[in-house]
Each structure stands twice: as C-alpha cells, then as structure tokens.
Amino acid sequence: MNQHSTQMRTKPQNQRYPFPGAHFFSVPLKLYESGLAAHMSSSEFKRYCTLLRLANYDYGAAEVEIDQKQLAELDGVSPRTDFNIHTRLEEYGLINIDRKKKPFKYTLVHPNLWLEQEFKRRELQKRGRIQVQTKYPPDLTGGFGTK
C-alpha cells in the first residue's frame, strides 16, 4: 500500500448530517419545501416529529400504535389539544389515524402523496452561503412566481 492510498482513506468524508456518530432521524424535505413547516403550529410540528421518531425507532415502519398519554409524555403536547392537532395533521395529509383501535394506529403518509397546500414554498440555495428563496403558490397558468 502506498502513501497516497493511505491518505485517501483517512481524508474525512463530506457527509450530509451534522453529527457524525450521533443517532438522529430524518424529516421529509417536502415539509419545508412545501411551506408547511412554517405554517404549522409548534404543537403540530412537535407531534409530527414525534410520530416520525417513533416510526424510525420501529425500523422505519409507517404505522405506529401508541396511546395519547405516552405521546404526551414524549413531546409535551397537552392531551386537551391532542384531538385538534391530530385533525390538522390529517387535514394536511401527513397522517391517517385509525381511531377504532385502542391505542390509536397512526399511519404516516408518504410525502409524494401529501395533499398540495397553498402555502409559500421555500427552497434552499447554496451559493457560498445558504439562502432561502420564497416561491408563491402556482398561478392559473401553473407556473411559480418568485418574490
């Protein structure tokens, strides 16, 4: 083995996550790109992230069965606001809930199947520094306007 090949292997890799060696879970990019993350309340966002975390914990299962009390213990969302938050997440098309089962069964909807929303869209662009570009919903011609 020559010196050049050894240097190539020890060179740090450019990775797409900020905490090498630490465990974390993913959030769909479409949540931000669609403008939905900016539109959601903090409780709605926390609950959706909690459901993502639970799905990740179960090896990427799209279905999660857990009761309201345990969800509240994980994310601190009040049981009083539980029903409204779940209704909103269903309205956004992010989850489906089987309320016939106890505990409830939450099904995470694939981002490609989310309902289109009329929110300002956000895109990250990297030209030296990261910049956020806001795009407004499609007009009647189907194009996107930027401001």
Protein backbone atom coordinates (compact mmCIF):
# COMPACT_ATOMS: atom_id res chain seq x y z
CA MET A 1 0.00 0.00 0.00
CA ASN A 2 1.46 3.34 -0.96
CA GLN A 3 1.31 6.61 0.94
CA HIS A 4 -1.20 8.19 -1.49
CA SER A 5 -3.85 5.48 -0.99
CA THR A 6 -3.49 5.72 2.80
CA GLN A 7 -4.06 9.47 2.65
CA MET A 8 -7.16 8.98 0.53
CA ARG A 9 -8.75 6.66 3.11
CA THR A 10 -8.05 8.87 6.10
CA LYS A 11 -9.40 12.02 4.47
CA PRO A 12 -12.67 12.98 6.20
CA GLN A 13 -15.73 12.29 4.09
CA ASN A 14 -18.16 15.09 3.33
CA GLN A 15 -21.33 13.79 4.97
CA ARG A 16 -24.90 15.06 4.79
CA TYR A 17 -25.54 15.09 8.52
CA PRO A 18 -24.08 17.41 11.12
CA PHE A 19 -23.41 14.94 13.92
CA PRO A 20 -21.23 12.03 12.79
CA GLY A 21 -21.58 9.13 15.19
CA ALA A 22 -24.73 10.51 16.83
CA HIS A 23 -28.15 8.95 16.30
CA PHE A 24 -30.85 11.08 14.69
CA PHE A 25 -33.93 10.67 12.50
CA SER A 26 -34.96 12.25 9.23
CA VAL A 27 -37.71 14.73 8.46
CA PRO A 28 -39.08 14.83 4.90
CA LEU A 29 -37.65 17.78 2.97
CA LYS A 30 -41.08 18.40 1.48
CA LEU A 31 -42.24 19.55 4.93
CA TYR A 32 -40.05 22.63 4.47
CA GLU A 33 -40.13 22.97 0.70
CA SER A 34 -43.94 22.99 0.65
CA GLY A 35 -44.03 25.79 3.24
CA LEU A 36 -45.93 23.55 5.63
CA ALA A 37 -43.30 23.64 8.40
CA ALA A 38 -43.60 27.44 8.58
CA HIS A 39 -47.40 27.19 8.59
CA MET A 40 -47.75 24.52 11.30
CA SER A 41 -48.20 25.38 14.95
CA SER A 42 -45.39 24.34 17.27
CA SER A 43 -47.58 21.60 18.76
CA GLU A 44 -48.47 20.24 15.31
CA PHE A 45 -44.80 20.21 14.33
CA LYS A 46 -43.76 18.55 17.60
CA ARG A 47 -46.41 15.86 17.28
CA TYR A 48 -45.49 15.11 13.66
CA CYS A 49 -41.79 14.87 14.59
CA THR A 50 -42.68 12.58 17.50
CA LEU A 51 -44.56 10.26 15.15
CA LEU A 52 -41.59 10.31 12.75
CA ARG A 53 -39.26 9.43 15.62
CA LEU A 54 -41.48 6.55 16.71
CA ALA A 55 -41.62 5.23 13.16
CA ASN A 56 -37.84 5.48 12.94
CA TYR A 57 -37.50 3.63 16.24
CA ASP A 58 -39.59 0.82 14.77
CA TYR A 59 -37.16 0.35 11.87
CA GLY A 60 -38.97 2.70 9.51
CA ALA A 61 -42.48 1.35 9.97
CA ALA A 62 -45.09 3.69 8.51
CA GLU A 63 -47.62 2.61 11.15
CA VAL A 64 -47.33 3.44 14.83
CA GLU A 65 -49.62 2.31 17.65
CA ILE A 66 -49.37 4.38 20.82
CA ASP A 67 -51.79 5.92 23.27
CA GLN A 68 -52.30 9.64 23.85
CA LYS A 69 -50.77 9.60 27.32
CA GLN A 70 -47.49 8.14 26.04
CA LEU A 71 -47.40 10.63 23.15
CA ALA A 72 -47.89 13.49 25.63
CA GLU A 73 -45.03 12.15 27.76
CA LEU A 74 -42.73 12.12 24.73
CA ASP A 75 -43.46 15.54 23.21
CA GLY A 76 -45.18 17.55 25.95
CA VAL A 77 -48.26 18.27 23.85
CA SER A 78 -51.27 18.70 26.09
CA PRO A 79 -53.90 15.96 25.92
CA ARG A 80 -56.50 18.74 25.61
CA THR A 81 -55.05 19.85 22.26
CA ASP A 82 -54.43 16.29 21.07
CA PHE A 83 -57.65 15.94 19.08
CA ASN A 84 -57.24 19.27 17.26
CA ILE A 85 -53.62 18.56 16.39
CA HIS A 86 -54.43 15.13 15.01
CA THR A 87 -57.28 16.57 12.98
CA ARG A 88 -54.99 19.22 11.48
CA LEU A 89 -52.26 16.70 10.64
CA GLU A 90 -54.89 14.61 8.87
CA GLU A 91 -56.19 17.70 7.03
CA TYR A 92 -52.65 18.45 5.84
CA GLY A 93 -52.49 14.88 4.55
CA LEU A 94 -49.46 13.97 6.68
CA ILE A 95 -51.07 11.15 8.65
CA ASN A 96 -54.10 8.85 8.77
CA ILE A 97 -55.48 7.75 12.12
CA ASP A 98 -57.43 4.59 12.83
CA ARG A 99 -59.45 5.68 15.86
CA LYS A 100 -61.30 2.36 16.06
CA LYS A 101 -58.20 0.72 17.53
CA LYS A 102 -57.07 1.33 21.08
CA PRO A 103 -54.40 2.59 21.23
CA PHE A 104 -54.88 4.60 18.04
CA LYS A 105 -52.97 3.49 14.96
CA TYR A 106 -51.18 6.35 13.17
CA THR A 107 -50.12 5.85 9.57
CA LEU A 108 -47.53 8.24 8.18
CA VAL A 109 -48.38 9.22 4.62
CA HIS A 110 -45.54 9.18 2.08
CA PRO A 111 -44.56 12.79 1.17
CA ASN A 112 -45.27 12.13 -2.52
CA LEU A 113 -48.91 11.51 -1.55
CA TRP A 114 -49.37 14.63 0.61
CA LEU A 115 -52.14 17.00 -0.37
CA GLU A 116 -50.96 20.11 -2.22
CA GLN A 117 -51.20 23.15 0.02
CA GLU A 118 -51.47 26.81 -0.87
CA PHE A 119 -48.53 27.95 1.25
CA LYS A 120 -45.49 29.95 0.24
CA ARG A 121 -42.86 27.46 -0.80
CA ARG A 122 -39.29 27.71 0.45
CA GLU A 123 -36.20 26.44 -1.29
CA LEU A 124 -32.65 26.40 -0.02
CA GLN A 125 -30.00 27.51 -2.42
CA LYS A 126 -26.30 27.28 -1.82
CA ARG A 127 -24.17 29.91 -3.49
CA GLY A 128 -21.39 30.30 -0.99
CA ARG A 129 -23.80 30.80 1.91
CA ILE A 130 -27.18 29.13 2.25
CA GLN A 131 -30.07 31.34 1.18
CA VAL A 132 -33.81 30.81 1.40
CA GLN A 133 -35.86 31.68 -1.65
CA THR A 134 -39.61 32.06 -1.24
CA LYS A 135 -41.85 30.91 -4.06
CA TYR A 136 -45.53 31.63 -4.12
CA PRO A 137 -48.20 29.04 -4.99
CA PRO A 138 -48.85 28.33 -8.66
CA ASP A 139 -50.90 30.86 -10.57
CA LEU A 140 -53.61 29.87 -13.04
CA THR A 141 -51.02 29.05 -15.71
CA GLY A 142 -49.36 26.53 -13.39
CA GLY A 143 -46.07 28.45 -13.08
CA PHE A 144 -44.42 29.53 -9.87
CA GLY A 145 -43.86 33.17 -9.12
CA THR A 146 -40.91 34.27 -7.02
CA LYS A 147 -40.60 37.40 -4.97
